[in-house]
C-alpha atoms as a PDB file:
ATOM      1  CA  MET A   1     -19.336 -37.010   5.345  1.00  0.00           C
ATOM      2  CA  ILE A   2     -19.399 -33.628   7.090  1.00  0.00           C
ATOM      3  CA  THR A   3     -22.665 -33.238   8.980  1.00  0.00           C
ATOM      4  CA  SER A   4     -21.938 -30.445  11.454  1.00  0.00           C
ATOM      5  CA  MET A   5     -21.622 -26.705  11.013  1.00  0.00           C
ATOM      6  CA  ASN A   6     -19.002 -26.838  13.755  1.00  0.00           C
ATOM      7  CA  ASN A   7     -16.619 -28.790  11.544  1.00  0.00           C
ATOM      8  CA  PRO A   8     -13.350 -26.784  11.258  1.00  0.00           C
ATOM      9  CA  GLN A   9     -13.261 -27.194   7.467  1.00  0.00           C
ATOM     10  CA  VAL A  10     -16.772 -25.764   7.154  1.00  0.00           C
ATOM     11  CA  LYS A  11     -15.874 -22.789   9.328  1.00  0.00           C
ATOM     12  CA  ASN A  12     -12.718 -22.188   7.320  1.00  0.00           C
ATOM     13  CA  VAL A  13     -14.521 -22.176   3.954  1.00  0.00           C
ATOM     14  CA  MET A  14     -16.981 -19.649   5.364  1.00  0.00           C
ATOM     15  CA  GLN A  15     -14.066 -17.518   6.563  1.00  0.00           C
ATOM     16  CA  LEU A  16     -12.455 -17.671   3.126  1.00  0.00           C
ATOM     17  CA  ASN A  17     -15.735 -16.543   1.558  1.00  0.00           C
ATOM     18  CA  GLN A  18     -16.252 -13.690   3.964  1.00  0.00           C
ATOM     19  CA  ARG A  19     -12.830 -12.301   4.881  1.00  0.00           C
ATOM     20  CA  ALA A  20     -10.110 -10.984   2.587  1.00  0.00           C
ATOM     21  CA  LYS A  21      -7.665 -11.230   5.484  1.00  0.00           C
ATOM     22  CA  ALA A  22      -8.256 -14.991   5.774  1.00  0.00           C
ATOM     23  CA  ARG A  23      -7.711 -15.400   2.026  1.00  0.00           C
ATOM     24  CA  ARG A  24      -4.472 -13.409   2.158  1.00  0.00           C
ATOM     25  CA  GLU A  25      -3.104 -15.236   5.195  1.00  0.00           C
ATOM     26  CA  GLN A  26      -3.858 -18.699   3.809  1.00  0.00           C
ATOM     27  CA  GLY A  27      -3.150 -17.935   0.153  1.00  0.00           C
ATOM     28  CA  LEU A  28      -6.472 -19.542  -0.760  1.00  0.00           C
ATOM     29  CA  PHE A  29      -9.789 -18.529  -2.316  1.00  0.00           C
ATOM     30  CA  VAL A  30     -13.096 -20.226  -3.107  1.00  0.00           C
ATOM     31  CA  ALA A  31     -14.719 -20.705  -6.523  1.00  0.00           C
ATOM     32  CA  GLU A  32     -18.315 -21.919  -6.713  1.00  0.00           C
ATOM     33  CA  GLY A  33     -20.098 -23.962  -9.332  1.00  0.00           C
ATOM     34  CA  LYS A  34     -19.485 -26.667 -11.892  1.00  0.00           C
ATOM     35  CA  LYS A  35     -18.003 -24.373 -14.555  1.00  0.00           C
ATOM     36  CA  MET A  36     -15.475 -22.900 -12.140  1.00  0.00           C
ATOM     37  CA  PHE A  37     -14.545 -26.383 -10.951  1.00  0.00           C
ATOM     38  CA  GLY A  38     -14.273 -27.739 -14.496  1.00  0.00           C
ATOM     39  CA  GLU A  39     -11.959 -24.957 -15.703  1.00  0.00           C
ATOM     40  CA  ALA A  40      -9.759 -24.783 -12.592  1.00  0.00           C
ATOM     41  CA  PRO A  41      -6.090 -25.621 -13.226  1.00  0.00           C
ATOM     42  CA  LYS A  42      -5.456 -28.892 -11.392  1.00  0.00           C
ATOM     43  CA  GLY A  43      -2.286 -27.511  -9.815  1.00  0.00           C
ATOM     44  CA  TRP A  44      -4.291 -24.752  -8.148  1.00  0.00           C
ATOM     45  CA  ILE A  45      -6.824 -27.050  -6.458  1.00  0.00           C
ATOM     46  CA  HIS A  46      -6.375 -27.312  -2.703  1.00  0.00           C
ATOM     47  CA  ARG A  47      -9.630 -29.139  -1.870  1.00  0.00           C
ATOM     48  CA  VAL A  48     -13.074 -29.725  -3.359  1.00  0.00           C
ATOM     49  CA  PHE A  49     -16.301 -29.761  -1.329  1.00  0.00           C
ATOM     50  CA  LEU A  50     -19.386 -31.518  -2.688  1.00  0.00           C
ATOM     51  CA  SER A  51     -22.975 -31.529  -1.516  1.00  0.00           C
ATOM     52  CA  GLU A  52     -24.400 -34.904  -0.570  1.00  0.00           C
ATOM     53  CA  THR A  53     -26.757 -34.701  -3.550  1.00  0.00           C
ATOM     54  CA  LEU A  54     -24.039 -34.003  -6.129  1.00  0.00           C
ATOM     55  CA  ALA A  55     -21.862 -36.738  -4.609  1.00  0.00           C
ATOM     56  CA  GLY A  56     -24.560 -39.153  -5.741  1.00  0.00           C
ATOM     57  CA  ASP A  57     -23.887 -38.230  -9.376  1.00  0.00           C
ATOM     58  CA  GLU A  58     -21.448 -40.911 -10.551  1.00  0.00           C
ATOM     59  CA  ALA A  59     -20.527 -39.037 -13.736  1.00  0.00           C
ATOM     60  CA  PHE A  60     -19.484 -35.967 -11.746  1.00  0.00           C
ATOM     61  CA  MET A  61     -17.687 -38.044  -9.127  1.00  0.00           C
ATOM     62  CA  GLU A  62     -15.419 -39.424 -11.856  1.00  0.00           C
ATOM     63  CA  LYS A  63     -14.001 -35.918 -12.243  1.00  0.00           C
ATOM     64  CA  VAL A  64     -13.340 -35.601  -8.513  1.00  0.00           C
ATOM     65  CA  ARG A  65     -11.996 -38.976  -7.393  1.00  0.00           C
ATOM     66  CA  ASP A  66      -8.320 -38.168  -7.991  1.00  0.00           C
ATOM     67  CA  LEU A  67      -8.557 -34.862  -6.108  1.00  0.00           C
ATOM     68  CA  PRO A  68      -8.665 -34.125  -2.379  1.00  0.00           C
ATOM     69  CA  PHE A  69     -12.381 -33.804  -1.658  1.00  0.00           C
ATOM     70  CA  GLU A  70     -14.977 -33.815   1.099  1.00  0.00           C
ATOM     71  CA  VAL A  71     -18.721 -34.432   1.000  1.00  0.00           C
ATOM     72  CA  ALA A  72     -21.002 -32.248   3.124  1.00  0.00           C
ATOM     73  CA  ALA A  73     -24.632 -32.823   4.024  1.00  0.00           C
ATOM     74  CA  ASP A  74     -26.873 -30.657   1.847  1.00  0.00           C
ATOM     75  CA  ASN A  75     -27.937 -28.373   4.704  1.00  0.00           C
ATOM     76  CA  VAL A  76     -24.299 -27.830   5.712  1.00  0.00           C
ATOM     77  CA  PHE A  77     -23.218 -27.231   2.115  1.00  0.00           C
ATOM     78  CA  ARG A  78     -25.877 -24.536   1.698  1.00  0.00           C
ATOM     79  CA  GLN A  79     -24.386 -22.666   4.659  1.00  0.00           C
ATOM     80  CA  MET A  80     -20.882 -22.974   3.206  1.00  0.00           C
ATOM     81  CA  SER A  81     -22.015 -21.513  -0.104  1.00  0.00           C
ATOM     82  CA  ASP A  82     -21.927 -17.801  -0.938  1.00  0.00           C
ATOM     83  CA  THR A  83     -24.808 -18.117  -3.416  1.00  0.00           C
ATOM     84  CA  LEU A  84     -28.565 -18.505  -2.956  1.00  0.00           C
ATOM     85  CA  THR A  85     -28.794 -21.467  -5.345  1.00  0.00           C
ATOM     86  CA  PRO A  86     -25.572 -23.474  -4.941  1.00  0.00           C
ATOM     87  CA  GLN A  87     -24.699 -26.022  -7.623  1.00  0.00           C
ATOM     88  CA  GLY A  88     -23.225 -28.477  -5.156  1.00  0.00           C
ATOM     89  CA  VAL A  89     -19.489 -27.934  -5.655  1.00  0.00           C
ATOM     90  CA  LEU A  90     -17.047 -25.539  -3.995  1.00  0.00           C
ATOM     91  CA  THR A  91     -13.413 -25.493  -5.080  1.00  0.00           C
ATOM     92  CA  VAL A  92     -10.812 -24.125  -2.691  1.00  0.00           C
ATOM     93  CA  LEU A  93      -7.835 -22.937  -4.745  1.00  0.00           C
ATOM     94  CA  LYS A  94      -4.339 -21.608  -4.179  1.00  0.00           C
ATOM     95  CA  THR A  95      -4.030 -17.941  -5.032  1.00  0.00           C
ATOM     96  CA  PRO A  96      -1.705 -17.659  -8.052  1.00  0.00           C
ATOM     97  CA  SER A  97       1.476 -15.621  -8.077  1.00  0.00           C
ATOM     98  CA  TYR A  98       2.967 -14.087 -11.222  1.00  0.00           C
ATOM     99  CA  ALA A  99       6.217 -12.316 -12.159  1.00  0.00           C
ATOM    100  CA  PRO A 100       5.747  -9.116 -14.228  1.00  0.00           C
ATOM    101  CA  ASP A 101       8.921  -9.686 -16.239  1.00  0.00           C
ATOM    102  CA  GLU A 102       7.743 -13.150 -17.277  1.00  0.00           C
ATOM    103  CA  VAL A 103       4.211 -12.045 -18.117  1.00  0.00           C
ATOM    104  CA  LEU A 104       5.386  -9.012 -20.099  1.00  0.00           C
ATOM    105  CA  LYS A 105       8.250 -10.673 -21.958  1.00  0.00           C
ATOM    106  CA  GLU A 106       6.373 -10.683 -25.285  1.00  0.00           C
ATOM    107  CA  GLU A 107       6.595  -7.634 -27.524  1.00  0.00           C
ATOM    108  CA  ASN A 108       3.856  -4.982 -27.567  1.00  0.00           C
ATOM    109  CA  PRO A 109       1.729  -6.244 -24.658  1.00  0.00           C
ATOM    110  CA  LEU A 110      -1.780  -4.908 -24.075  1.00  0.00           C
ATOM    111  CA  VAL A 111      -2.298  -4.120 -20.388  1.00  0.00           C
ATOM    112  CA  LEU A 112      -5.024  -2.750 -18.095  1.00  0.00           C
ATOM    113  CA  VAL A 113      -4.391  -0.729 -14.955  1.00  0.00           C
ATOM    114  CA  LEU A 114      -7.313  -0.455 -12.503  1.00  0.00           C
ATOM    115  CA  GLU A 115      -7.211   2.332  -9.919  1.00  0.00           C
ATOM    116  CA  ASP A 116      -9.429   2.150  -6.816  1.00  0.00           C
ATOM    117  CA  LEU A 117     -12.064   0.013  -8.566  1.00  0.00           C
ATOM    118  CA  GLN A 118     -14.586  -1.028  -5.906  1.00  0.00           C
ATOM    119  CA  ASP A 119     -17.439  -2.939  -7.502  1.00  0.00           C
ATOM    120  CA  PRO A 120     -16.884  -6.737  -7.581  1.00  0.00           C
ATOM    121  CA  GLY A 121     -19.108  -7.172 -10.637  1.00  0.00           C
ATOM    122  CA  ASN A 122     -17.183  -4.528 -12.578  1.00  0.00           C
ATOM    123  CA  ALA A 123     -13.854  -6.072 -11.658  1.00  0.00           C
ATOM    124  CA  GLY A 124     -14.944  -9.578 -12.677  1.00  0.00           C
ATOM    125  CA  THR A 125     -16.449  -8.330 -15.928  1.00  0.00           C
ATOM    126  CA  ILE A 126     -13.215  -6.503 -16.746  1.00  0.00           C
ATOM    127  CA  PHE A 127     -11.233  -9.723 -16.266  1.00  0.00           C
ATOM    128  CA  ARG A 128     -13.578 -11.589 -18.598  1.00  0.00           C
ATOM    129  CA  THR A 129     -13.587  -8.803 -21.197  1.00  0.00           C
ATOM    130  CA  ALA A 130      -9.818  -8.428 -20.984  1.00  0.00           C
ATOM    131  CA  GLU A 131      -9.282 -12.097 -21.788  1.00  0.00           C
ATOM    132  CA  GLY A 132     -11.571 -11.798 -24.803  1.00  0.00           C
ATOM    133  CA  ALA A 133      -9.730  -8.729 -26.095  1.00  0.00           C
ATOM    134  CA  GLY A 134      -6.286 -10.286 -25.758  1.00  0.00           C
ATOM    135  CA  VAL A 135      -5.091  -8.290 -22.749  1.00  0.00           C
ATOM    136  CA  ARG A 136      -1.856  -9.726 -21.377  1.00  0.00           C
ATOM    137  CA  CYS A 137      -2.310  -8.838 -17.699  1.00  0.00           C
ATOM    138  CA  ILE A 138      -4.122  -6.563 -15.254  1.00  0.00           C
ATOM    139  CA  PHE A 139      -2.553  -4.319 -12.605  1.00  0.00           C
ATOM    140  CA  LEU A 140      -4.688  -3.212  -9.666  1.00  0.00           C
ATOM    141  CA  THR A 141      -3.856  -0.584  -7.074  1.00  0.00           C
ATOM    142  CA  LYS A 142      -3.998  -1.794  -3.474  1.00  0.00           C
ATOM    143  CA  THR A 143      -7.200   0.254  -2.975  1.00  0.00           C
ATOM    144  CA  CYS A 144      -9.097  -1.909  -5.489  1.00  0.00           C
ATOM    145  CA  VAL A 145     -11.566  -4.643  -4.564  1.00  0.00           C
ATOM    146  CA  ASP A 146      -9.969  -7.971  -3.658  1.00  0.00           C
ATOM    147  CA  VAL A 147      -9.803 -10.069  -6.833  1.00  0.00           C
ATOM    148  CA  THR A 148     -10.387 -13.234  -4.776  1.00  0.00           C
ATOM    149  CA  ASN A 149     -13.693 -11.894  -3.428  1.00  0.00           C
ATOM    150  CA  PRO A 150     -16.311 -14.583  -4.274  1.00  0.00           C
ATOM    151  CA  LYS A 151     -18.419 -12.082  -6.233  1.00  0.00           C
ATOM    152  CA  VAL A 152     -15.419 -11.092  -8.368  1.00  0.00           C
ATOM    153  CA  ILE A 153     -14.529 -14.748  -8.947  1.00  0.00           C
ATOM    154  CA  ARG A 154     -18.064 -15.559 -10.141  1.00  0.00           C
ATOM    155  CA  SER A 155     -18.139 -12.522 -12.438  1.00  0.00           C
ATOM    156  CA  THR A 156     -14.906 -13.561 -14.160  1.00  0.00           C
ATOM    157  CA  MET A 157     -16.641 -16.729 -15.437  1.00  0.00           C
ATOM    158  CA  GLY A 158     -13.307 -18.575 -15.345  1.00  0.00           C
ATOM    159  CA  SER A 159     -11.062 -15.780 -16.678  1.00  0.00           C
ATOM    160  CA  ILE A 160      -9.442 -15.513 -13.236  1.00  0.00           C
ATOM    161  CA  TYR A 161      -7.631 -18.751 -14.137  1.00  0.00           C
ATOM    162  CA  ARG A 162      -6.114 -17.314 -17.305  1.00  0.00           C
ATOM    163  CA  MET A 163      -5.615 -13.583 -16.722  1.00  0.00           C
ATOM    164  CA  PRO A 164      -2.455 -12.747 -14.752  1.00  0.00           C
ATOM    165  CA  PHE A 165      -2.927  -9.956 -12.220  1.00  0.00           C
ATOM    166  CA  PHE A 166      -0.755  -7.901  -9.874  1.00  0.00           C
ATOM    167  CA  TYR A 167      -1.439  -5.540  -6.988  1.00  0.00           C
ATOM    168  CA  VAL A 168       0.657  -2.366  -6.893  1.00  0.00           C
ATOM    169  CA  GLU A 169       0.989   0.580  -4.513  1.00  0.00           C
ATOM    170  CA  ASP A 170      -0.379   3.096  -7.021  1.00  0.00           C
ATOM    171  CA  VAL A 171      -0.373   3.906 -10.729  1.00  0.00           C
ATOM    172  CA  ALA A 172       2.816   5.973 -10.434  1.00  0.00           C
ATOM    173  CA  SER A 173       4.753   2.939  -9.186  1.00  0.00           C
ATOM    174  CA  LEU A 174       4.355   1.360 -12.641  1.00  0.00           C
ATOM    175  CA  SER A 175       6.091   4.163 -14.548  1.00  0.00           C
ATOM    176  CA  ASN A 176       9.549   2.608 -14.604  1.00  0.00           C
ATOM    177  CA  LEU A 177       8.243  -0.840 -15.597  1.00  0.00           C
ATOM    178  CA  PHE A 178       6.208   0.572 -18.463  1.00  0.00           C
ATOM    179  CA  ARG A 179       9.109   2.680 -19.654  1.00  0.00           C
ATOM    180  CA  GLU A 180      11.405  -0.352 -19.607  1.00  0.00           C
ATOM    181  CA  LYS A 181       8.874  -2.489 -21.518  1.00  0.00           C
ATOM    182  CA  LYS A 182       8.140   0.315 -24.019  1.00  0.00           C
ATOM    183  CA  ILE A 183       4.487   0.416 -23.010  1.00  0.00           C
ATOM    184  CA  ARG A 184       2.651   3.660 -23.828  1.00  0.00           C
ATOM    185  CA  THR A 185      -0.035   4.630 -21.319  1.00  0.00           C
ATOM    186  CA  PHE A 186      -3.484   6.062 -22.032  1.00  0.00           C
ATOM    187  CA  ALA A 187      -6.110   7.536 -19.720  1.00  0.00           C
ATOM    188  CA  ALA A 188      -9.690   8.264 -20.749  1.00  0.00           C
ATOM    189  CA  HIS A 189     -10.305  11.858 -19.662  1.00  0.00           C
ATOM    190  CA  LEU A 190     -12.623  14.754 -20.496  1.00  0.00           C
ATOM    191  CA  LYS A 191      -9.528  16.752 -21.490  1.00  0.00           C
ATOM    192  CA  GLY A 192      -8.394  14.056 -23.909  1.00  0.00           C
ATOM    193  CA  LYS A 193      -6.594  15.295 -26.998  1.00  0.00           C
ATOM    194  CA  ASN A 194      -8.231  12.848 -29.431  1.00  0.00           C
ATOM    195  CA  ASP A 195     -11.146  10.423 -29.442  1.00  0.00           C
ATOM    196  CA  TYR A 196     -10.069   6.959 -28.338  1.00  0.00           C
ATOM    197  CA  ASP A 197     -10.183   5.619 -31.911  1.00  0.00           C
ATOM    198  CA  GLY A 198      -7.871   8.367 -33.120  1.00  0.00           C
ATOM    199  CA  GLU A 199      -4.784   6.934 -31.431  1.00  0.00           C
ATOM    200  CA  SER A 200      -2.640   3.917 -32.291  1.00  0.00           C
ATOM    201  CA  TYR A 201      -2.502   0.963 -29.909  1.00  0.00           C
ATOM    202  CA  GLU A 202      -0.423  -1.342 -32.071  1.00  0.00           C
ATOM    203  CA  GLY A 203       2.642  -1.025 -29.829  1.00  0.00           C
ATOM    204  CA  GLY A 204       2.853  -1.803 -26.121  1.00  0.00           C
ATOM    205  CA  THR A 205      -0.275  -0.246 -24.606  1.00  0.00           C
ATOM    206  CA  ALA A 206      -1.699   0.257 -21.120  1.00  0.00           C
ATOM    207  CA  PHE A 207      -5.146   1.711 -20.411  1.00  0.00           C
ATOM    208  CA  PHE A 208      -5.867   3.341 -17.039  1.00  0.00           C
ATOM    209  CA  ILE A 209      -9.375   2.678 -15.677  1.00  0.00           C
ATOM    210  CA  GLY A 210     -10.508   4.647 -12.630  1.00  0.00           C
ATOM    211  CA  ASN A 211     -12.952   4.425  -9.755  1.00  0.00           C
ATOM    212  CA  GLU A 212     -16.637   4.002 -10.680  1.00  0.00           C
ATOM    213  CA  GLY A 213     -17.708   7.281  -9.078  1.00  0.00           C
ATOM    214  CA  LYS A 214     -14.623   9.505  -9.015  1.00  0.00           C
ATOM    215  CA  GLY A 215     -12.721   8.347 -12.073  1.00  0.00           C
ATOM    216  CA  LEU A 216      -8.930   8.483 -12.156  1.00  0.00           C
ATOM    217  CA  THR A 217      -6.975  10.472  -9.600  1.00  0.00           C
ATOM    218  CA  GLU A 218      -4.971  13.467 -10.755  1.00  0.00           C
ATOM    219  CA  GLN A 219      -1.811  11.495  -9.956  1.00  0.00           C
ATOM    220  CA  ALA A 220      -2.840   8.714 -12.355  1.00  0.00           C
ATOM    221  CA  VAL A 221      -3.834  11.198 -15.041  1.00  0.00           C
ATOM    222  CA  SER A 222      -0.458  12.946 -14.747  1.00  0.00           C
ATOM    223  CA  CYS A 223       1.295   9.575 -15.245  1.00  0.00           C
ATOM    224  CA  ALA A 224      -0.437   8.884 -18.569  1.00  0.00           C
ATOM    225  CA  ASP A 225       1.463   9.501 -21.787  1.00  0.00           C
ATOM    226  CA  CYS A 226      -1.756  10.434 -23.561  1.00  0.00           C
ATOM    227  CA  LEU A 227      -5.277  11.484 -22.560  1.00  0.00           C
ATOM    228  CA  ILE A 228      -8.092  10.199 -24.780  1.00  0.00           C
ATOM    229  CA  ARG A 229     -11.823  10.810 -24.952  1.00  0.00           C
ATOM    230  CA  ILE A 230     -14.693   8.353 -25.320  1.00  0.00           C
ATOM    231  CA  PRO A 231     -17.312  10.545 -27.055  1.00  0.00           C
ATOM    232  CA  MET A 232     -20.811  10.408 -25.554  1.00  0.00           C
ATOM    233  CA  CYS A 233     -24.173  11.749 -26.618  1.00  0.00           C
ATOM    234  CA  GLY A 234     -26.912  13.218 -24.445  1.00  0.00           C
ATOM    235  CA  GLN A 235     -26.081  14.292 -20.909  1.00  0.00           C
ATOM    236  CA  VAL A 236     -23.943  11.273 -20.029  1.00  0.00           C
ATOM    237  CA  GLU A 237     -20.725  12.360 -18.318  1.00  0.00           C
ATOM    238  CA  SER A 238     -19.030   8.988 -17.886  1.00  0.00           C
ATOM    239  CA  LEU A 239     -19.396   5.294 -18.651  1.00  0.00           C
ATOM    240  CA  ASN A 240     -19.414   2.240 -16.436  1.00  0.00           C
ATOM    241  CA  ALA A 241     -15.799   1.237 -15.744  1.00  0.00           C
ATOM    242  CA  ALA A 242     -16.190  -2.213 -17.279  1.00  0.00           C
ATOM    243  CA  MET A 243     -17.841  -0.732 -20.382  1.00  0.00           C
ATOM    244  CA  ALA A 244     -15.029   1.794 -20.801  1.00  0.00           C
ATOM    245  CA  ALA A 245     -12.432  -0.970 -20.432  1.00  0.00           C
ATOM    246  CA  GLY A 246     -14.248  -3.017 -23.064  1.00  0.00           C
ATOM    247  CA  ILE A 247     -14.443  -0.168 -25.571  1.00  0.00           C
ATOM    248  CA  LEU A 248     -10.740   0.653 -25.229  1.00  0.00           C
ATOM    249  CA  THR A 249      -9.368  -2.883 -25.235  1.00  0.00           C
ATOM    250  CA  TYR A 250     -11.491  -3.993 -28.174  1.00  0.00           C
ATOM    251  CA  GLU A 251     -10.396  -0.967 -30.183  1.00  0.00           C
ATOM    252  CA  ALA A 252      -6.811  -2.021 -29.488  1.00  0.00           C
ATOM    253  CA  ALA A 253      -7.685  -5.588 -30.504  1.00  0.00           C
ATOM    254  CA  ARG A 254      -9.297  -4.323 -33.734  1.00  0.00           C
ATOM    255  CA  GLN A 255      -6.214  -2.313 -34.671  1.00  0.00           C
ATOM    256  CA  ARG A 256      -3.907  -5.232 -33.938  1.00  0.00           C
ATOM    257  CA  ARG A 257      -5.978  -7.621 -36.048  1.00  0.00           C
ATOM    258  CA  ALA A 258      -5.855  -5.185 -38.938  1.00  0.00           C
ATOM    259  CA  VAL A 259      -2.055  -5.142 -38.790  1.00  0.00           C
ATOM    260  CA  SER A 260      -1.682  -8.871 -38.066  1.00  0.00           C
ATOM    261  CA  PRO A 261      -4.817 -10.829 -39.081  1.00  0.00           C
ATOM    262  CA  GLY A 262      -3.638 -13.879 -37.132  1.00  0.00           C
ATOM    263  CA  HIS A 263      -3.516 -11.891 -33.892  1.00  0.00           C
ATOM    264  CA  ARG A 264      -6.101 -12.759 -31.256  1.00  0.00           C
END
């Protein structure tokens, strides 16, 4: 059992929680809690850390015995955790790698493109919402928040395991890929031609979602095939990024269900 804060494994988990550079260099990230452990693909699991208290739960230990694991004294485990009320299990996982051509091989994919999104909670919520709406994958510009940030991971509620994602230089760098895959691109903008529900998203579709405060850059807007509006009452000028992503992707999902009732 690990009893010292000076243990190299303890220090490394804390580094993975705190530093994006450490996560990138090691190709690892940390997911906290029983749900995140239970849903983790076994092939992704690098090592599991348990609190001394949880290690006394025989039913839970049955799920862990065949995996590489360590038990840490409760006081040490609390320091390793990124949450105020840890559930007693930390899962260190290998960061997944995807190939765009493989992910987008199906016809008429629904895609999200996030530009300079900074809030971890927004990013995680978008991943969770995207899975529910049937989005095929998410592209993020390199200026976005790190998807493996512990706060993003928690906010995904497990969707990080099932939603392929890619980092790209900028929105413009996706133009050729989208053209090749016959994906039409849409950006929510005050100068939008039609309301968002006045366009068709039954074919290959990508929605551009911009920074929480500044919205999409002019470069991203100029790359979109079509500008659309999300109508708002009162004096509201813009919506939360995750809310906007939800409105757009679920409208696409609604249209696709109407055409093909068996569609997710």
